Amino acid sequence: MHRPTKILITLLLFISTQVSAQLQWAEFRDEAEFFSVNFPGDPVIVESTLNSEYGAIFPSKTYTVEIDDYFYQATVINYSEARQAYLEMPDRTDEAASPRLWIYDQLGATAFMAKKFRERGGEVTFDAWHHIDMVEGHQLQITNPDQSRTFVGIYLHNSRLYVTEATVPSDALPQGLFQQSLGFLDEEGIRIRYNLQPDRSRTLSEGYYQRRRGD
């Protein structure tokens, strides 16, 4: 490799690293949707709807920050009215007629969303069960055709599906600061943490009760 080429590559790597380091991270909270997450700026919020695996339509919100080649987005899909949504579906196929399909749709939402990310293309380099504060979910890491990298987290909590997605240049650092910052809030805006058992039952942790008491 010629020396000028080496210098150019080194310079580009330095610039990319500096851009990532200079992002101004701060906690963003939406207590109406019961979550918090760190963003490198004020997100643009868009309300919309999304089709579920079995054809029902549910309200969603996206929270997006784009800075140069850095893209950060959180999506919340609200399943709290799922039972009524299925009762009102105009096209009642045999499968959709099941009285429990609204439950199946929620329980399968994490796997369904993970499948949609895989189908977008690219090389999946990490694909595994995960949790945040003992709320079960799934994480993926994908190297896209343009060599950018996408870091995804998907978690179902209290009838809401939370999806975080960060897409950054190939030479950027892993995006754990964003992925791991997701928090789940109670009705008073206090962050929830659970104890999780092998049978997937869970109880609220002592740390959560301490925060409620203000200890």
N, C-alpha and C. Protein backbone atom coordinates (compact mmCIF):
# COMPACT_ATOMS: atom_id res chain seq x y z
N MET A 1 0.85 -1.20 0.00
CA MET A 1 0.00 0.00 0.00
C MET A 1 0.89 1.24 0.00
N HIS A 2 0.57 2.20 -0.86
CA HIS A 2 1.36 3.43 -0.93
C HIS A 2 1.16 4.26 0.33
N ARG A 3 2.18 5.03 0.68
CA ARG A 3 2.15 5.84 1.89
C ARG A 3 0.99 6.83 1.91
N PRO A 4 0.69 7.55 0.79
CA PRO A 4 -0.45 8.48 0.82
C PRO A 4 -1.76 7.77 1.14
N THR A 5 -1.91 6.52 0.63
CA THR A 5 -3.14 5.77 0.91
C THR A 5 -3.23 5.43 2.38
N LYS A 6 -2.10 5.01 2.97
CA LYS A 6 -2.09 4.71 4.40
C LYS A 6 -2.45 5.92 5.23
N ILE A 7 -1.91 7.07 4.83
CA ILE A 7 -2.20 8.31 5.57
C ILE A 7 -3.68 8.64 5.48
N LEU A 8 -4.28 8.47 4.28
CA LEU A 8 -5.70 8.78 4.09
C LEU A 8 -6.57 7.86 4.95
N ILE A 9 -6.27 6.55 4.97
CA ILE A 9 -7.06 5.62 5.76
C ILE A 9 -6.95 5.95 7.24
N THR A 10 -5.74 6.25 7.69
CA THR A 10 -5.53 6.61 9.10
C THR A 10 -6.33 7.86 9.46
N LEU A 11 -6.34 8.84 8.56
CA LEU A 11 -7.08 10.08 8.80
C LEU A 11 -8.57 9.82 8.88
N LEU A 12 -9.10 8.99 7.99
CA LEU A 12 -10.54 8.68 7.99
C LEU A 12 -10.93 7.95 9.27
N LEU A 13 -10.09 7.01 9.71
CA LEU A 13 -10.37 6.31 10.96
C LEU A 13 -10.38 7.26 12.14
N PHE A 14 -9.43 8.19 12.14
CA PHE A 14 -9.34 9.17 13.23
C PHE A 14 -10.59 10.04 13.26
N ILE A 15 -11.01 10.52 12.08
CA ILE A 15 -12.19 11.39 12.01
C ILE A 15 -13.43 10.66 12.50
N SER A 16 -13.60 9.39 12.04
CA SER A 16 -14.78 8.62 12.45
C SER A 16 -14.80 8.41 13.95
N THR A 17 -13.65 8.08 14.53
CA THR A 17 -13.57 7.87 15.97
C THR A 17 -13.89 9.15 16.73
N GLN A 18 -13.40 10.28 16.21
CA GLN A 18 -13.65 11.56 16.87
C GLN A 18 -15.13 11.93 16.82
N VAL A 19 -15.79 11.66 15.67
CA VAL A 19 -17.22 11.96 15.54
C VAL A 19 -18.00 11.16 16.57
N SER A 20 -17.68 9.86 16.70
CA SER A 20 -18.38 9.01 17.66
C SER A 20 -18.16 9.50 19.08
N ALA A 21 -16.92 9.91 19.39
CA ALA A 21 -16.60 10.33 20.75
C ALA A 21 -17.25 11.67 21.11
N GLN A 22 -17.51 12.52 20.11
CA GLN A 22 -18.00 13.86 20.37
C GLN A 22 -19.53 13.94 20.43
N LEU A 23 -20.22 12.85 20.17
CA LEU A 23 -21.67 12.86 20.28
C LEU A 23 -22.06 13.17 21.72
N GLN A 24 -23.03 14.05 21.88
CA GLN A 24 -23.43 14.51 23.21
C GLN A 24 -24.60 13.66 23.72
N TRP A 25 -24.26 12.64 24.49
CA TRP A 25 -25.27 11.70 24.95
C TRP A 25 -26.00 12.23 26.18
N ALA A 26 -27.31 11.96 26.22
CA ALA A 26 -28.13 12.34 27.37
C ALA A 26 -29.32 11.40 27.45
N GLU A 27 -29.83 11.22 28.65
CA GLU A 27 -31.00 10.35 28.82
C GLU A 27 -32.25 11.02 28.26
N PHE A 28 -33.01 10.26 27.49
CA PHE A 28 -34.32 10.69 27.00
C PHE A 28 -35.36 9.81 27.67
N ARG A 29 -36.45 10.42 28.14
CA ARG A 29 -37.51 9.67 28.82
C ARG A 29 -38.85 9.96 28.16
N ASP A 30 -39.65 8.92 27.98
CA ASP A 30 -41.05 9.08 27.61
C ASP A 30 -41.86 8.29 28.63
N GLU A 31 -42.31 8.97 29.66
CA GLU A 31 -42.99 8.28 30.75
C GLU A 31 -44.37 7.80 30.32
N ALA A 32 -44.94 8.38 29.26
CA ALA A 32 -46.21 7.89 28.75
C ALA A 32 -46.06 6.52 28.10
N GLU A 33 -44.86 6.24 27.58
CA GLU A 33 -44.57 4.94 26.97
C GLU A 33 -43.69 4.08 27.88
N PHE A 34 -43.41 4.56 29.09
CA PHE A 34 -42.76 3.77 30.15
C PHE A 34 -41.34 3.31 29.79
N PHE A 35 -40.53 4.21 29.22
CA PHE A 35 -39.15 3.82 28.93
C PHE A 35 -38.24 5.03 28.94
N SER A 36 -36.95 4.73 29.05
CA SER A 36 -35.90 5.73 28.89
C SER A 36 -34.79 5.12 28.05
N VAL A 37 -34.01 5.99 27.39
CA VAL A 37 -32.89 5.52 26.58
C VAL A 37 -31.95 6.70 26.36
N ASN A 38 -30.68 6.42 26.17
CA ASN A 38 -29.71 7.48 25.88
C ASN A 38 -29.69 7.78 24.39
N PHE A 39 -29.72 9.08 24.07
CA PHE A 39 -29.61 9.53 22.67
C PHE A 39 -28.52 10.58 22.57
N PRO A 40 -27.84 10.66 21.41
CA PRO A 40 -26.83 11.70 21.20
C PRO A 40 -27.44 12.98 20.64
N GLY A 41 -28.59 13.38 21.14
CA GLY A 41 -29.30 14.55 20.65
C GLY A 41 -30.78 14.39 20.90
N ASP A 42 -31.55 15.42 20.56
CA ASP A 42 -33.00 15.35 20.75
C ASP A 42 -33.64 14.56 19.61
N PRO A 43 -34.39 13.50 19.92
CA PRO A 43 -34.96 12.69 18.85
C PRO A 43 -36.15 13.34 18.17
N VAL A 44 -36.31 13.03 16.89
CA VAL A 44 -37.53 13.37 16.16
C VAL A 44 -38.54 12.25 16.42
N ILE A 45 -39.72 12.63 16.89
CA ILE A 45 -40.73 11.64 17.29
C ILE A 45 -41.85 11.60 16.25
N VAL A 46 -42.14 10.40 15.76
CA VAL A 46 -43.19 10.22 14.75
C VAL A 46 -44.15 9.14 15.24
N GLU A 47 -45.44 9.45 15.25
CA GLU A 47 -46.46 8.46 15.60
C GLU A 47 -46.99 7.82 14.34
N SER A 48 -47.15 6.49 14.38
CA SER A 48 -47.59 5.77 13.20
C SER A 48 -48.29 4.49 13.65
N THR A 49 -48.38 3.51 12.75
CA THR A 49 -48.91 2.19 13.07
C THR A 49 -48.03 1.14 12.42
N LEU A 50 -48.09 -0.07 12.97
CA LEU A 50 -47.36 -1.19 12.41
C LEU A 50 -48.26 -2.41 12.36
N ASN A 51 -48.09 -3.21 11.31
CA ASN A 51 -48.83 -4.46 11.20
C ASN A 51 -48.11 -5.55 11.98
N SER A 52 -48.85 -6.30 12.76
CA SER A 52 -48.27 -7.38 13.53
C SER A 52 -48.13 -8.64 12.68
N GLU A 53 -47.58 -9.69 13.26
CA GLU A 53 -47.36 -10.94 12.53
C GLU A 53 -48.65 -11.52 11.99
N TYR A 54 -49.74 -11.34 12.74
CA TYR A 54 -51.01 -11.96 12.35
C TYR A 54 -52.00 -10.96 11.76
N GLY A 55 -51.51 -9.79 11.36
CA GLY A 55 -52.34 -8.88 10.57
C GLY A 55 -53.07 -7.80 11.31
N ALA A 56 -52.97 -7.74 12.62
CA ALA A 56 -53.60 -6.63 13.35
C ALA A 56 -52.72 -5.38 13.23
N ILE A 57 -53.33 -4.23 13.44
CA ILE A 57 -52.62 -2.96 13.32
C ILE A 57 -52.53 -2.33 14.70
N PHE A 58 -51.32 -1.95 15.09
CA PHE A 58 -51.10 -1.40 16.42
C PHE A 58 -50.39 -0.05 16.34
N PRO A 59 -50.68 0.85 17.28
CA PRO A 59 -50.00 2.15 17.29
C PRO A 59 -48.52 2.00 17.62
N SER A 60 -47.72 2.85 17.02
CA SER A 60 -46.28 2.82 17.28
C SER A 60 -45.74 4.24 17.32
N LYS A 61 -44.58 4.39 17.94
CA LYS A 61 -43.85 5.65 17.94
C LYS A 61 -42.40 5.34 17.61
N THR A 62 -41.80 6.18 16.78
CA THR A 62 -40.36 6.09 16.54
C THR A 62 -39.70 7.36 17.06
N TYR A 63 -38.51 7.19 17.59
CA TYR A 63 -37.70 8.27 18.15
C TYR A 63 -36.35 8.18 17.44
N THR A 64 -36.00 9.18 16.63
CA THR A 64 -34.86 9.04 15.73
C THR A 64 -33.90 10.21 15.86
N VAL A 65 -32.61 9.87 15.91
CA VAL A 65 -31.54 10.86 15.85
C VAL A 65 -30.57 10.43 14.75
N GLU A 66 -30.31 11.33 13.80
CA GLU A 66 -29.33 11.08 12.74
C GLU A 66 -28.28 12.18 12.77
N ILE A 67 -27.03 11.78 12.88
CA ILE A 67 -25.91 12.72 12.87
C ILE A 67 -24.85 12.18 11.92
N ASP A 68 -24.68 12.85 10.77
CA ASP A 68 -23.76 12.38 9.74
C ASP A 68 -24.13 10.94 9.37
N ASP A 69 -23.20 10.00 9.52
CA ASP A 69 -23.47 8.60 9.16
C ASP A 69 -23.93 7.77 10.36
N TYR A 70 -24.33 8.43 11.43
CA TYR A 70 -24.75 7.73 12.63
C TYR A 70 -26.28 7.83 12.76
N PHE A 71 -26.93 6.69 12.88
CA PHE A 71 -28.39 6.62 12.92
C PHE A 71 -28.81 5.88 14.18
N TYR A 72 -29.64 6.51 15.00
CA TYR A 72 -30.13 5.90 16.23
C TYR A 72 -31.65 6.01 16.26
N GLN A 73 -32.29 4.89 16.57
CA GLN A 73 -33.76 4.90 16.60
C GLN A 73 -34.28 3.95 17.67
N ALA A 74 -35.27 4.42 18.39
CA ALA A 74 -36.05 3.56 19.30
C ALA A 74 -37.47 3.53 18.77
N THR A 75 -38.07 2.35 18.80
CA THR A 75 -39.46 2.18 18.36
C THR A 75 -40.24 1.51 19.48
N VAL A 76 -41.44 2.02 19.75
CA VAL A 76 -42.33 1.42 20.74
C VAL A 76 -43.62 1.03 20.03
N ILE A 77 -43.97 -0.26 20.11
CA ILE A 77 -45.22 -0.75 19.54
C ILE A 77 -46.13 -1.13 20.70
N ASN A 78 -47.32 -0.54 20.72
CA ASN A 78 -48.21 -0.66 21.87
C ASN A 78 -49.26 -1.74 21.61
N TYR A 79 -49.13 -2.85 22.35
CA TYR A 79 -50.07 -3.98 22.24
C TYR A 79 -51.13 -3.95 23.33
N SER A 80 -51.24 -2.87 24.07
CA SER A 80 -52.13 -2.88 25.24
C SER A 80 -53.60 -3.05 24.87
N GLU A 81 -53.97 -2.70 23.63
CA GLU A 81 -55.35 -2.90 23.18
C GLU A 81 -55.44 -4.05 22.20
N ALA A 82 -54.55 -5.03 22.34
CA ALA A 82 -54.45 -6.11 21.35
C ALA A 82 -55.74 -6.93 21.28
N ARG A 83 -56.33 -7.23 22.41
CA ARG A 83 -57.53 -8.07 22.38
C ARG A 83 -58.65 -7.40 21.58
N GLN A 84 -58.85 -6.11 21.82
CA GLN A 84 -59.88 -5.38 21.09
C GLN A 84 -59.53 -5.26 19.62
N ALA A 85 -58.26 -5.08 19.31
CA ALA A 85 -57.83 -4.97 17.91
C ALA A 85 -58.19 -6.21 17.13
N TYR A 86 -58.04 -7.38 17.73
CA TYR A 86 -58.38 -8.62 17.03
C TYR A 86 -59.87 -8.81 16.90
N LEU A 87 -60.63 -8.36 17.89
CA LEU A 87 -62.08 -8.44 17.78
C LEU A 87 -62.60 -7.58 16.64
N GLU A 88 -61.90 -6.49 16.34
CA GLU A 88 -62.35 -5.55 15.31
C GLU A 88 -61.76 -5.82 13.94
N MET A 89 -60.95 -6.86 13.80
CA MET A 89 -60.36 -7.15 12.49
C MET A 89 -61.45 -7.51 11.48
N PRO A 90 -61.48 -6.84 10.31
CA PRO A 90 -62.52 -7.12 9.32
C PRO A 90 -62.32 -8.46 8.63
N ASP A 91 -61.07 -8.88 8.44
CA ASP A 91 -60.79 -10.11 7.73
C ASP A 91 -60.48 -11.20 8.75
N ARG A 92 -61.50 -11.95 9.14
CA ARG A 92 -61.35 -12.96 10.17
C ARG A 92 -61.05 -14.31 9.52
N THR A 93 -59.78 -14.56 9.21
CA THR A 93 -59.36 -15.86 8.71
C THR A 93 -59.51 -16.89 9.82
N ASP A 94 -59.38 -18.16 9.46
CA ASP A 94 -59.51 -19.22 10.46
C ASP A 94 -58.51 -19.02 11.60
N GLU A 95 -57.27 -18.65 11.24
CA GLU A 95 -56.24 -18.45 12.26
C GLU A 95 -56.58 -17.25 13.13
N ALA A 96 -57.00 -16.15 12.49
CA ALA A 96 -57.29 -14.93 13.23
C ALA A 96 -58.52 -15.08 14.12
N ALA A 97 -59.32 -16.12 13.89
CA ALA A 97 -60.52 -16.30 14.70
C ALA A 97 -60.20 -16.89 16.08
N SER A 98 -58.96 -17.32 16.30
CA SER A 98 -58.59 -17.90 17.58
C SER A 98 -58.78 -16.86 18.69
N PRO A 99 -59.46 -17.23 19.79
CA PRO A 99 -59.69 -16.26 20.87
C PRO A 99 -58.41 -15.88 21.61
N ARG A 100 -57.33 -16.62 21.41
CA ARG A 100 -56.07 -16.33 22.10
C ARG A 100 -54.99 -15.75 21.18
N LEU A 101 -55.35 -15.46 19.94
CA LEU A 101 -54.32 -15.01 19.01
C LEU A 101 -53.70 -13.68 19.44
N TRP A 102 -54.47 -12.85 20.11
CA TRP A 102 -53.92 -11.57 20.58
C TRP A 102 -52.81 -11.79 21.61
N ILE A 103 -52.86 -12.92 22.34
CA ILE A 103 -51.78 -13.26 23.26
C ILE A 103 -50.59 -13.80 22.49
N TYR A 104 -50.85 -14.71 21.54
CA TYR A 104 -49.76 -15.28 20.76
C TYR A 104 -48.99 -14.20 20.02
N ASP A 105 -49.71 -13.22 19.51
CA ASP A 105 -49.08 -12.15 18.72
C ASP A 105 -48.08 -11.38 19.57
N GLN A 106 -48.45 -11.10 20.82
CA GLN A 106 -47.52 -10.39 21.70
C GLN A 106 -46.32 -11.25 22.07
N LEU A 107 -46.59 -12.51 22.46
CA LEU A 107 -45.50 -13.36 22.91
C LEU A 107 -44.51 -13.67 21.78
N GLY A 108 -44.99 -13.64 20.55
CA GLY A 108 -44.11 -13.89 19.42
C GLY A 108 -43.54 -12.63 18.78
N ALA A 109 -43.86 -11.48 19.35
CA ALA A 109 -43.48 -10.21 18.71
C ALA A 109 -41.97 -10.02 18.64
N THR A 110 -41.24 -10.45 19.67
CA THR A 110 -39.79 -10.29 19.68
C THR A 110 -39.16 -11.11 18.56
N ALA A 111 -39.58 -12.38 18.44
CA ALA A 111 -39.04 -13.24 17.38
C ALA A 111 -39.43 -12.72 15.99
N PHE A 112 -40.65 -12.22 15.86
CA PHE A 112 -41.11 -11.70 14.57
C PHE A 112 -40.29 -10.48 14.15
N MET A 113 -40.01 -9.59 15.09
CA MET A 113 -39.24 -8.40 14.77
C MET A 113 -37.79 -8.77 14.43
N ALA A 114 -37.22 -9.73 15.16
CA ALA A 114 -35.87 -10.18 14.85
C ALA A 114 -35.80 -10.75 13.43
N LYS A 115 -36.82 -11.50 13.05
CA LYS A 115 -36.88 -12.06 11.69
C LYS A 115 -36.90 -10.95 10.64
N LYS A 116 -37.63 -9.86 10.91
CA LYS A 116 -37.70 -8.76 9.95
C LYS A 116 -36.33 -8.10 9.77
N PHE A 117 -35.55 -8.00 10.85
CA PHE A 117 -34.20 -7.43 10.71
C PHE A 117 -33.30 -8.36 9.91
N ARG A 118 -33.39 -9.66 10.14
CA ARG A 118 -32.57 -10.59 9.37
C ARG A 118 -32.89 -10.51 7.88
N GLU A 119 -34.16 -10.32 7.57
CA GLU A 119 -34.59 -10.29 6.17
C GLU A 119 -34.17 -9.03 5.44
N ARG A 120 -33.70 -8.03 6.16
CA ARG A 120 -33.23 -6.81 5.50
C ARG A 120 -31.92 -7.01 4.75
N GLY A 121 -31.23 -8.10 5.03
CA GLY A 121 -29.98 -8.38 4.33
C GLY A 121 -28.77 -8.05 5.18
N GLY A 122 -27.60 -8.43 4.67
CA GLY A 122 -26.38 -8.24 5.41
C GLY A 122 -25.98 -9.52 6.14
N GLU A 123 -24.80 -9.49 6.74
CA GLU A 123 -24.29 -10.65 7.47
C GLU A 123 -24.60 -10.49 8.96
N VAL A 124 -25.36 -11.42 9.49
CA VAL A 124 -25.67 -11.41 10.92
C VAL A 124 -24.48 -11.98 11.67
N THR A 125 -23.86 -11.17 12.51
CA THR A 125 -22.65 -11.60 13.24
C THR A 125 -22.93 -11.90 14.71
N PHE A 126 -24.10 -11.52 15.20
CA PHE A 126 -24.51 -11.84 16.56
C PHE A 126 -26.02 -11.96 16.56
N ASP A 127 -26.55 -13.02 17.21
CA ASP A 127 -27.98 -13.31 17.13
C ASP A 127 -28.32 -14.16 18.35
N ALA A 128 -28.77 -13.54 19.44
CA ALA A 128 -28.89 -14.29 20.68
C ALA A 128 -29.88 -13.66 21.65
N TRP A 129 -30.36 -14.52 22.56
CA TRP A 129 -31.20 -14.07 23.68
C TRP A 129 -30.44 -13.03 24.49
N HIS A 130 -31.19 -12.10 25.06
CA HIS A 130 -30.57 -11.06 25.87
C HIS A 130 -31.59 -10.57 26.89
N HIS A 131 -31.14 -9.78 27.82
CA HIS A 131 -32.07 -9.15 28.76
C HIS A 131 -31.52 -7.79 29.15
N ILE A 132 -32.42 -6.92 29.55
CA ILE A 132 -32.06 -5.67 30.21
C ILE A 132 -32.90 -5.58 31.47
N ASP A 133 -32.23 -5.45 32.61
CA ASP A 133 -32.91 -5.43 33.90
C ASP A 133 -33.81 -6.65 34.08
N MET A 134 -33.40 -7.78 33.52
CA MET A 134 -34.11 -9.06 33.56
C MET A 134 -35.45 -9.02 32.80
N VAL A 135 -35.58 -8.08 31.88
CA VAL A 135 -36.66 -8.13 30.90
C VAL A 135 -36.09 -8.85 29.68
N GLU A 136 -36.70 -9.98 29.33
CA GLU A 136 -36.14 -10.81 28.27
C GLU A 136 -36.30 -10.17 26.90
N GLY A 137 -35.32 -10.46 26.04
CA GLY A 137 -35.38 -9.94 24.69
C GLY A 137 -34.37 -10.63 23.79
N HIS A 138 -33.97 -9.94 22.76
CA HIS A 138 -33.07 -10.51 21.75
C HIS A 138 -32.19 -9.39 21.20
N GLN A 139 -30.94 -9.73 20.92
CA GLN A 139 -30.03 -8.77 20.29
C GLN A 139 -29.48 -9.34 18.99
N LEU A 140 -29.26 -8.45 18.02
CA LEU A 140 -28.60 -8.80 16.78
C LEU A 140 -27.55 -7.76 16.45
N GLN A 141 -26.50 -8.22 15.77
CA GLN A 141 -25.53 -7.33 15.14
C GLN A 141 -25.41 -7.75 13.69
N ILE A 142 -25.50 -6.77 12.79
CA ILE A 142 -25.54 -7.06 11.35
C ILE A 142 -24.53 -6.17 10.64
N THR A 143 -23.70 -6.79 9.79
CA THR A 143 -22.83 -6.03 8.90
C THR A 143 -23.57 -5.87 7.58
N ASN A 144 -23.89 -4.64 7.21
CA ASN A 144 -24.70 -4.35 6.03
C ASN A 144 -23.87 -4.43 4.76
N PRO A 145 -24.52 -4.52 3.60
CA PRO A 145 -23.78 -4.60 2.34
C PRO A 145 -22.79 -3.46 2.12
N ASP A 146 -23.07 -2.26 2.66
CA ASP A 146 -22.14 -1.14 2.51
C ASP A 146 -21.09 -1.12 3.61
N GLN A 147 -21.05 -2.19 4.42
CA GLN A 147 -20.10 -2.39 5.52
C GLN A 147 -20.41 -1.56 6.76
N SER A 148 -21.48 -0.78 6.75
CA SER A 148 -21.93 -0.18 8.00
C SER A 148 -22.42 -1.31 8.91
N ARG A 149 -22.55 -1.00 10.19
CA ARG A 149 -22.95 -2.03 11.15
C ARG A 149 -24.21 -1.59 11.89
N THR A 150 -25.12 -2.55 12.08
CA THR A 150 -26.37 -2.28 12.76
C THR A 150 -26.44 -3.11 14.05
N PHE A 151 -26.77 -2.44 15.15
CA PHE A 151 -26.89 -3.06 16.47
C PHE A 151 -28.35 -2.95 16.90
N VAL A 152 -28.98 -4.08 17.18
CA VAL A 152 -30.42 -4.13 17.43
C VAL A 152 -30.70 -4.76 18.79
N GLY A 153 -31.65 -4.19 19.52
CA GLY A 153 -32.17 -4.79 20.75
C GLY A 153 -33.69 -4.79 20.71
N ILE A 154 -34.31 -5.91 21.11
CA ILE A 154 -35.77 -6.05 21.03
C ILE A 154 -36.26 -6.64 22.36
N TYR A 155 -37.21 -5.96 23.01
CA TYR A 155 -37.66 -6.40 24.35
C TYR A 155 -39.17 -6.17 24.48
N LEU A 156 -39.85 -7.15 25.07
CA LEU A 156 -41.29 -7.05 25.30
C LEU A 156 -41.52 -6.86 26.79
N HIS A 157 -42.23 -5.78 27.13
CA HIS A 157 -42.49 -5.50 28.55
C HIS A 157 -43.85 -4.85 28.71
N ASN A 158 -44.70 -5.48 29.50
CA ASN A 158 -46.02 -4.92 29.82
C ASN A 158 -46.78 -4.46 28.58
N SER A 159 -46.91 -5.38 27.62
CA SER A 159 -47.70 -5.16 26.39
C SER A 159 -47.15 -4.07 25.48
N ARG A 160 -45.85 -3.81 25.58
CA ARG A 160 -45.19 -2.92 24.64
C ARG A 160 -43.90 -3.59 24.15
N LEU A 161 -43.67 -3.48 22.85
CA LEU A 161 -42.43 -3.99 22.27
C LEU A 161 -41.51 -2.80 22.05
N TYR A 162 -40.30 -2.90 22.62
CA TYR A 162 -39.30 -1.83 22.52
C TYR A 162 -38.17 -2.31 21.62
N VAL A 163 -37.87 -1.53 20.59
CA VAL A 163 -36.84 -1.90 19.62
C VAL A 163 -35.84 -0.75 19.53
N THR A 164 -34.58 -1.05 19.79
CA THR A 164 -33.53 -0.06 19.59
C THR A 164 -32.67 -0.49 18.42
N GLU A 165 -32.29 0.49 17.59
CA GLU A 165 -31.49 0.21 16.39
C GLU A 165 -30.46 1.32 16.22
N ALA A 166 -29.20 0.94 16.14
CA ALA A 166 -28.12 1.89 15.85
C ALA A 166 -27.38 1.39 14.61
N THR A 167 -27.26 2.25 13.60
CA THR A 167 -26.47 1.91 12.41
C THR A 167 -25.35 2.94 12.28
N VAL A 168 -24.12 2.44 12.24
CA VAL A 168 -22.94 3.31 12.29
C VAL A 168 -21.92 2.85 11.25
N PRO A 169 -20.94 3.71 10.91
CA PRO A 169 -19.92 3.32 9.95
C PRO A 169 -19.13 2.09 10.40
N SER A 170 -18.50 1.43 9.45
CA SER A 170 -17.80 0.19 9.73
C SER A 170 -16.70 0.33 10.77
N ASP A 171 -16.08 1.52 10.84
CA ASP A 171 -14.96 1.72 11.75
C ASP A 171 -15.38 2.34 13.09
N ALA A 172 -16.70 2.47 13.31
CA ALA A 172 -17.18 3.05 14.56
C ALA A 172 -17.11 2.01 15.68
N LEU A 173 -17.10 2.49 16.90
CA LEU A 173 -17.06 1.62 18.06
C LEU A 173 -18.40 0.89 18.21
N PRO A 174 -18.42 -0.27 18.88
CA PRO A 174 -19.70 -0.93 19.21
C PRO A 174 -20.62 0.03 19.96
N GLN A 175 -21.92 -0.15 19.77
CA GLN A 175 -22.88 0.84 20.26
C GLN A 175 -23.57 0.42 21.55
N GLY A 176 -22.79 -0.15 22.47
CA GLY A 176 -23.35 -0.56 23.75
C GLY A 176 -23.91 0.59 24.56
N LEU A 177 -23.33 1.79 24.41
CA LEU A 177 -23.83 2.95 25.14
C LEU A 177 -25.29 3.21 24.82
N PHE A 178 -25.68 2.91 23.59
CA PHE A 178 -27.07 3.07 23.18
C PHE A 178 -27.87 1.82 23.52
N GLN A 179 -27.39 0.65 23.09
CA GLN A 179 -28.13 -0.60 23.29
C GLN A 179 -28.46 -0.86 24.75
N GLN A 180 -27.47 -0.70 25.61
CA GLN A 180 -27.64 -1.08 27.01
C GLN A 180 -28.33 -0.01 27.85
N SER A 181 -28.59 1.16 27.25
CA SER A 181 -29.15 2.25 28.03
C SER A 181 -30.66 2.17 28.18
N LEU A 182 -31.31 1.29 27.43
CA LEU A 182 -32.77 1.17 27.51
C LEU A 182 -33.18 0.82 28.93
N GLY A 183 -34.18 1.53 29.43
CA GLY A 183 -34.72 1.24 30.75
C GLY A 183 -36.23 1.21 30.70
N PHE A 184 -36.84 0.43 31.58
CA PHE A 184 -38.29 0.29 31.64
C PHE A 184 -38.79 0.97 32.90
N LEU A 185 -39.83 1.80 32.76
CA LEU A 185 -40.30 2.65 33.85
C LEU A 185 -41.67 2.22 34.33
N ASP A 186 -41.94 2.46 35.61
CA ASP A 186 -43.28 2.21 36.12
C ASP A 186 -44.14 3.46 35.92
N GLU A 187 -45.35 3.43 36.47
CA GLU A 187 -46.29 4.54 36.25
C GLU A 187 -45.83 5.83 36.91
N GLU A 188 -44.86 5.76 37.81
CA GLU A 188 -44.31 6.95 38.45
C GLU A 188 -42.98 7.38 37.84
N GLY A 189 -42.57 6.71 36.77
CA GLY A 189 -41.32 7.06 36.12
C GLY A 189 -40.08 6.48 36.78
N ILE A 190 -40.25 5.49 37.65
CA ILE A 190 -39.13 4.85 38.33
C ILE A 190 -38.68 3.62 37.55
N ARG A 191 -37.37 3.48 37.37
CA ARG A 191 -36.85 2.38 36.57
C ARG A 191 -37.09 1.05 37.27
N ILE A 192 -37.56 0.07 36.49
CA ILE A 192 -37.91 -1.25 37.00
C ILE A 192 -36.73 -2.21 36.78
N ARG A 193 -36.53 -3.08 37.76
CA ARG A 193 -35.60 -4.20 37.60
C ARG A 193 -36.22 -5.42 38.27
N TYR A 194 -36.01 -6.59 37.64
CA TYR A 194 -36.62 -7.82 38.12
C TYR A 194 -35.56 -8.82 38.58
N ASN A 195 -36.04 -9.82 39.32
CA ASN A 195 -35.34 -11.07 39.51
C ASN A 195 -36.00 -12.09 38.58
N LEU A 196 -35.21 -12.79 37.79
CA LEU A 196 -35.73 -13.73 36.80
C LEU A 196 -35.37 -15.15 37.20
N GLN A 197 -36.35 -16.06 37.10
CA GLN A 197 -36.15 -17.46 37.46
C GLN A 197 -36.05 -18.33 36.19
N PRO A 198 -35.49 -19.54 36.33
CA PRO A 198 -35.35 -20.40 35.15
C PRO A 198 -36.67 -20.72 34.44
N ASP A 199 -37.79 -20.72 35.19
CA ASP A 199 -39.08 -20.98 34.54
C ASP A 199 -39.68 -19.72 33.92
N ARG A 200 -38.89 -18.64 33.90
CA ARG A 200 -39.24 -17.34 33.32
C ARG A 200 -40.23 -16.55 34.17
N SER A 201 -40.54 -17.02 35.35
CA SER A 201 -41.29 -16.17 36.27
C SER A 201 -40.35 -15.10 36.80
N ARG A 202 -40.91 -13.97 37.20
CA ARG A 202 -40.05 -12.89 37.68
C ARG A 202 -40.75 -12.10 38.77
N THR A 203 -39.95 -11.54 39.64
CA THR A 203 -40.43 -10.69 40.71
C THR A 203 -39.63 -9.40 40.70
N LEU A 204 -40.19 -8.35 41.22
CA LEU A 204 -39.49 -7.07 41.27
C LEU A 204 -38.33 -7.16 42.26
N SER A 205 -37.22 -6.55 41.91
CA SER A 205 -36.02 -6.64 42.73
C SER A 205 -36.10 -5.70 43.93
N GLU A 206 -35.26 -5.98 44.93
CA GLU A 206 -35.18 -5.11 46.09
C GLU A 206 -34.67 -3.72 45.69
N GLY A 207 -33.77 -3.67 44.69
CA GLY A 207 -33.28 -2.38 44.22
C GLY A 207 -34.40 -1.49 43.70
N TYR A 208 -35.39 -2.10 43.04
CA TYR A 208 -36.54 -1.32 42.56
C TYR A 208 -37.32 -0.75 43.74
N TYR A 209 -37.56 -1.57 44.75
CA TYR A 209 -38.32 -1.08 45.91
C TYR A 209 -37.54 0.00 46.66
N GLN A 210 -36.22 -0.11 46.67
CA GLN A 210 -35.41 0.93 47.28
C GLN A 210 -35.55 2.25 46.54
N ARG A 211 -35.59 2.19 45.21
CA ARG A 211 -35.76 3.42 44.43
C ARG A 211 -37.13 4.03 44.68
N ARG A 212 -38.15 3.18 44.82
CA ARG A 212 -39.50 3.70 45.10
C ARG A 212 -39.54 4.39 46.45
N ARG A 213 -38.81 3.82 47.42
CA ARG A 213 -38.80 4.41 48.77
C ARG A 213 -37.88 5.62 48.85
N GLY A 214 -37.03 5.78 47.80
CA GLY A 214 -36.07 6.89 47.82
C GLY A 214 -34.87 6.62 48.67
N ASP A 215 -34.55 5.32 48.91
CA ASP A 215 -33.38 4.97 49.72
C ASP A 215 -32.09 5.36 49.01
